[in-house]
């Protein structure tokens, strides 16, 4: 039985979904976390570092929500500050220097919108990531693992390939925000979700994303281990394929991918 967009929104936000650190542990090996943006501080809402995929080094970056309330508060509920995006960019530029592919995992309702984040240049940090990722000379794959909200998600999703987990969402704003703007009634979020085309299946059909990683088979939930296996296999195949292109070809294909919108 197919789910409504509103039901998928609830699944995308579910507390028990795998976090970025979970994926780092289960998909990759030898993960070594790096901290700080070398400008202001370390943002716990974005985690990243160097790991191995099929014994080859990669740079992994993820937006981290918590597994419980305490960790959610520590991670600012997966809402990065500007120093988080600058840390991500530092890791991407390091990956470029050492010719490592970049894999980003995105799960955020959006960038943190507090006054202090604006004072430290939230908008500039997001814009800088978009600028630098468009010309990054190594392969980039971004995967929406839960919520992909607004520019806070896009800041890690200007990639050669953008994928989504089956029960994830990707949108310019939340359904609640959409309903509040359009109808002045945030309680109509489920109705808004149906209109917004935010589910993986819809966005694949619109060619906004390139692949959906299944979480069910014939209506039955796939085991967590099987989902991890499918994701790992897809990553290895795609990284191997992208590695065949020169830097110039990668950048041109990336340009054409986003230019078509």
Protein backbone atom coordinates (compact mmCIF):
# COMPACT_ATOMS: atom_id res chain seq x y z
CA UNK A 1 0.00 0.00 0.00
CA UNK A 2 1.47 3.35 -1.01
CA UNK A 3 1.88 6.04 1.62
CA UNK A 4 0.69 9.63 1.43
CA UNK A 5 3.22 12.45 1.32
CA UNK A 6 2.18 13.44 4.84
CA UNK A 7 2.93 9.94 6.11
CA UNK A 8 6.32 9.97 4.39
CA UNK A 9 7.11 13.31 6.08
CA UNK A 10 6.53 11.64 9.45
CA UNK A 11 8.79 8.71 8.52
CA UNK A 12 11.51 11.08 7.28
CA UNK A 13 11.49 12.79 10.67
CA UNK A 14 11.22 9.64 12.76
CA UNK A 15 13.51 9.55 15.78
CA UNK A 16 14.70 6.03 14.96
CA UNK A 17 16.04 6.79 11.48
CA UNK A 18 19.74 6.20 11.04
CA UNK A 19 21.85 9.29 11.67
CA UNK A 20 24.89 10.36 9.65
CA UNK A 21 27.23 8.88 12.26
CA UNK A 22 25.32 5.60 12.01
CA UNK A 23 25.90 5.55 8.25
CA UNK A 24 29.57 6.41 8.73
CA UNK A 25 29.91 3.38 11.02
CA UNK A 26 27.91 0.93 8.92
CA UNK A 27 28.78 1.89 5.32
CA UNK A 28 32.41 2.97 5.72
CA UNK A 29 35.45 1.80 7.64
CA UNK A 30 38.25 3.59 9.49
CA UNK A 31 36.28 6.80 9.98
CA UNK A 32 38.36 9.59 11.49
CA UNK A 33 36.38 12.66 12.49
CA UNK A 34 37.75 16.18 11.98
CA UNK A 35 36.56 19.21 13.91
CA UNK A 36 36.36 22.96 13.48
CA UNK A 37 36.21 25.45 10.63
CA UNK A 38 39.49 27.23 11.55
CA UNK A 39 37.54 30.48 11.73
CA UNK A 40 35.15 30.35 14.68
CA UNK A 41 34.57 26.93 16.20
CA UNK A 42 33.17 23.45 15.81
CA UNK A 43 29.51 22.89 14.95
CA UNK A 44 28.21 19.55 16.30
CA UNK A 45 25.30 19.66 13.80
CA UNK A 46 27.74 18.80 11.00
CA UNK A 47 30.13 15.87 11.32
CA UNK A 48 32.77 14.79 8.87
CA UNK A 49 36.18 13.43 8.21
CA UNK A 50 38.06 10.76 6.29
CA UNK A 51 36.93 7.16 5.90
CA UNK A 52 37.37 4.22 3.55
CA UNK A 53 34.87 2.82 1.08
CA UNK A 54 35.94 -0.53 -0.37
CA UNK A 55 39.43 0.19 1.02
CA UNK A 56 39.69 3.50 -0.86
CA UNK A 57 39.83 6.83 1.00
CA UNK A 58 36.84 9.16 0.78
CA UNK A 59 35.75 12.30 2.58
CA UNK A 60 32.41 11.93 4.32
CA UNK A 61 30.30 14.83 5.60
CA UNK A 62 26.92 14.59 7.28
CA UNK A 63 24.32 16.67 9.04
CA UNK A 64 23.77 15.02 12.39
CA UNK A 65 20.51 14.81 14.28
CA UNK A 66 20.35 13.08 17.62
CA UNK A 67 19.13 9.64 18.62
CA UNK A 68 17.36 11.09 21.67
CA UNK A 69 16.32 14.46 23.10
CA UNK A 70 19.63 15.07 24.85
CA UNK A 71 21.66 14.51 21.68
CA UNK A 72 19.16 16.47 19.60
CA UNK A 73 19.73 19.46 21.85
CA UNK A 74 23.48 19.00 21.63
CA UNK A 75 23.27 18.79 17.83
CA UNK A 76 20.81 21.70 17.60
CA UNK A 77 18.25 19.30 16.09
CA UNK A 78 20.36 19.00 12.94
CA UNK A 79 20.24 22.73 12.17
CA UNK A 80 23.78 23.82 11.25
CA UNK A 81 25.34 27.16 12.08
CA UNK A 82 27.62 28.89 9.55
CA UNK A 83 30.72 27.35 11.11
CA UNK A 84 29.25 23.93 10.30
CA UNK A 85 29.00 24.74 6.61
CA UNK A 86 32.49 26.25 6.70
CA UNK A 87 33.80 23.07 8.33
CA UNK A 88 32.15 21.07 5.55
CA UNK A 89 33.78 23.29 2.94
CA UNK A 90 37.17 22.92 4.62
CA UNK A 91 36.82 19.15 4.38
CA UNK A 92 35.74 19.35 0.74
CA UNK A 93 38.72 21.50 -0.20
CA UNK A 94 40.99 19.08 1.65
CA UNK A 95 39.41 16.22 -0.33
CA UNK A 96 40.10 18.10 -3.54
CA UNK A 97 43.74 18.57 -2.56
CA UNK A 98 44.21 14.84 -1.92
CA UNK A 99 41.92 13.66 -4.75
CA UNK A 100 39.35 12.00 -2.49
CA UNK A 101 35.69 11.66 -3.56
CA UNK A 102 33.20 13.49 -1.33
CA UNK A 103 30.04 11.84 0.03
CA UNK A 104 27.51 14.05 1.83
CA UNK A 105 24.62 12.82 3.97
CA UNK A 106 21.84 15.35 4.43
CA UNK A 107 19.20 15.31 7.17
CA UNK A 108 18.10 18.76 8.31
CA UNK A 109 14.93 20.81 8.64
CA UNK A 110 17.08 23.73 7.51
CA UNK A 111 19.99 25.88 8.56
CA UNK A 112 19.75 27.44 12.02
CA UNK A 113 17.93 30.76 11.75
CA UNK A 114 18.96 32.33 15.06
CA UNK A 115 20.26 35.90 15.25
CA UNK A 116 23.75 34.70 16.15
CA UNK A 117 23.89 32.53 13.02
CA UNK A 118 22.92 35.50 10.88
CA UNK A 119 25.53 37.64 12.63
CA UNK A 120 28.21 35.08 11.74
CA UNK A 121 27.14 34.96 8.07
CA UNK A 122 24.78 32.00 7.63
CA UNK A 123 23.67 33.08 4.16
CA UNK A 124 27.22 33.73 2.98
CA UNK A 125 28.40 30.35 4.27
CA UNK A 126 25.66 28.54 2.33
CA UNK A 127 26.30 30.58 -0.81
CA UNK A 128 30.05 29.93 -0.55
CA UNK A 129 29.45 26.18 -0.37
CA UNK A 130 27.30 26.31 -3.51
CA UNK A 131 29.97 28.30 -5.33
CA UNK A 132 32.84 26.07 -4.30
CA UNK A 133 30.99 22.77 -4.82
CA UNK A 134 30.07 23.78 -8.36
CA UNK A 135 33.78 23.80 -9.25
CA UNK A 136 35.11 21.09 -6.96
CA UNK A 137 37.49 18.92 -8.96
CA UNK A 138 36.58 15.58 -7.36
CA UNK A 139 33.39 13.48 -7.51
CA UNK A 140 30.57 14.46 -5.15
CA UNK A 141 27.56 12.34 -4.20
CA UNK A 142 24.90 13.72 -1.86
CA UNK A 143 22.23 11.57 -0.23
CA UNK A 144 19.10 12.88 1.48
CA UNK A 145 18.69 10.44 4.37
CA UNK A 146 15.72 12.05 6.17
CA UNK A 147 14.70 15.68 5.83
CA UNK A 148 16.26 17.81 3.12
CA UNK A 149 15.06 21.25 4.09
CA UNK A 150 15.69 24.53 2.27
CA UNK A 151 19.12 26.06 1.62
CA UNK A 152 20.45 24.29 4.67
CA UNK A 153 20.18 21.02 2.74
CA UNK A 154 21.14 22.43 -0.64
CA UNK A 155 24.43 23.67 0.83
CA UNK A 156 25.60 20.03 0.87
CA UNK A 157 23.69 18.84 -2.20
CA UNK A 158 25.27 20.54 -5.20
CA UNK A 159 26.69 17.24 -6.37
CA UNK A 160 27.35 15.10 -9.42
CA UNK A 161 24.55 12.82 -8.21
CA UNK A 162 21.82 13.51 -5.66
CA UNK A 163 20.10 10.48 -4.15
CA UNK A 164 17.31 10.04 -1.64
CA UNK A 165 16.35 7.29 0.74
CA UNK A 166 12.87 6.01 -0.12
CA UNK A 167 11.25 7.58 2.95
CA UNK A 168 12.96 10.95 2.86
CA UNK A 169 11.81 14.40 1.72
CA UNK A 170 13.52 17.26 -0.11
CA UNK A 171 11.91 20.68 -0.30
CA UNK A 172 12.40 24.45 -0.26
CA UNK A 173 10.68 24.62 3.13
CA UNK A 174 8.68 22.44 5.49
CA UNK A 175 5.07 21.54 4.73
CA UNK A 176 4.12 23.45 7.89
CA UNK A 177 5.87 26.55 6.57
CA UNK A 178 4.28 26.14 3.16
CA UNK A 179 0.81 25.84 4.70
CA UNK A 180 1.42 28.84 6.96
CA UNK A 181 2.41 31.01 4.01
CA UNK A 182 -0.23 29.82 1.56
CA UNK A 183 -3.22 29.36 3.85
CA UNK A 184 -2.10 31.03 7.10
CA UNK A 185 -2.72 27.65 8.75
CA UNK A 186 0.20 25.37 9.62
CA UNK A 187 -2.22 22.61 10.57
CA UNK A 188 -2.82 21.97 6.86
CA UNK A 189 0.72 20.57 6.54
CA UNK A 190 -0.45 17.18 5.24
CA UNK A 191 -2.41 18.89 2.50
CA UNK A 192 0.62 21.03 1.67
CA UNK A 193 2.87 17.97 1.49
CA UNK A 194 0.65 16.47 -1.21
CA UNK A 195 1.01 19.62 -3.32
CA UNK A 196 4.71 20.22 -2.89
CA UNK A 197 6.19 17.18 -4.70
CA UNK A 198 8.70 16.47 -1.96
CA UNK A 199 8.91 12.68 -1.82
CA UNK A 200 11.69 10.61 -3.37
CA UNK A 201 9.42 8.99 -5.97
CA UNK A 202 8.05 12.35 -7.11
CA UNK A 203 11.45 14.01 -7.31
CA UNK A 204 12.92 11.08 -9.23
CA UNK A 205 10.10 11.41 -11.76
CA UNK A 206 10.86 15.14 -12.06
CA UNK A 207 14.61 14.35 -12.49
CA UNK A 208 15.49 16.54 -9.51
CA UNK A 209 17.28 13.53 -8.02
CA UNK A 210 19.12 10.67 -9.71
CA UNK A 211 18.37 7.61 -7.59
CA UNK A 212 16.18 6.30 -4.79
CA UNK A 213 17.67 3.89 -2.26
CA UNK A 214 14.81 1.48 -1.38
CA UNK A 215 13.68 0.93 2.19
CA UNK A 216 10.83 -1.45 1.26
CA UNK A 217 10.26 -4.33 -1.15
CA UNK A 218 6.76 -5.25 -2.32
CA UNK A 219 5.33 -3.12 0.45
CA UNK A 220 7.40 -4.82 3.18
CA UNK A 221 10.11 -3.05 5.13
CA UNK A 222 13.66 -4.11 4.23
CA UNK A 223 16.02 -4.88 7.08
CA UNK A 224 18.48 -2.19 8.10
CA UNK A 225 21.41 -4.39 7.07
CA UNK A 226 19.94 -4.84 3.59
CA UNK A 227 19.42 -1.09 3.17
CA UNK A 228 23.03 -0.49 4.18
CA UNK A 229 24.19 -3.17 1.74
CA UNK A 230 22.21 -1.60 -1.12
CA UNK A 231 23.55 1.87 -0.35
CA UNK A 232 27.14 0.70 -0.07
CA UNK A 233 26.95 -1.20 -3.35
CA UNK A 234 25.44 1.80 -5.15
CA UNK A 235 28.11 4.14 -3.77
CA UNK A 236 30.99 1.89 -4.80
CA UNK A 237 29.59 1.52 -8.33
CA UNK A 238 28.95 5.25 -8.78
CA UNK A 239 32.26 6.41 -7.30
CA UNK A 240 34.06 3.96 -9.60
CA UNK A 241 32.14 5.35 -12.57
CA UNK A 242 32.74 9.02 -11.67
CA UNK A 243 36.45 8.37 -11.12
CA UNK A 244 36.81 7.69 -14.85
CA UNK A 245 36.04 11.31 -15.72
CA UNK A 246 38.62 14.08 -15.75
CA UNK A 247 38.09 17.03 -13.41
CA UNK A 248 37.02 19.17 -16.35
CA UNK A 249 34.44 16.59 -17.44
CA UNK A 250 33.09 16.28 -13.90
CA UNK A 251 32.63 20.02 -13.56
CA UNK A 252 30.96 20.33 -16.95
CA UNK A 253 28.56 17.46 -16.25
CA UNK A 254 27.75 18.97 -12.85
CA UNK A 255 27.11 22.33 -14.50
CA UNK A 256 24.80 20.79 -17.07
CA UNK A 257 22.95 18.81 -14.41
CA UNK A 258 21.90 21.92 -12.53
CA UNK A 259 21.65 24.14 -15.58
CA UNK A 260 18.70 22.08 -16.89
CA UNK A 261 16.54 23.35 -14.03
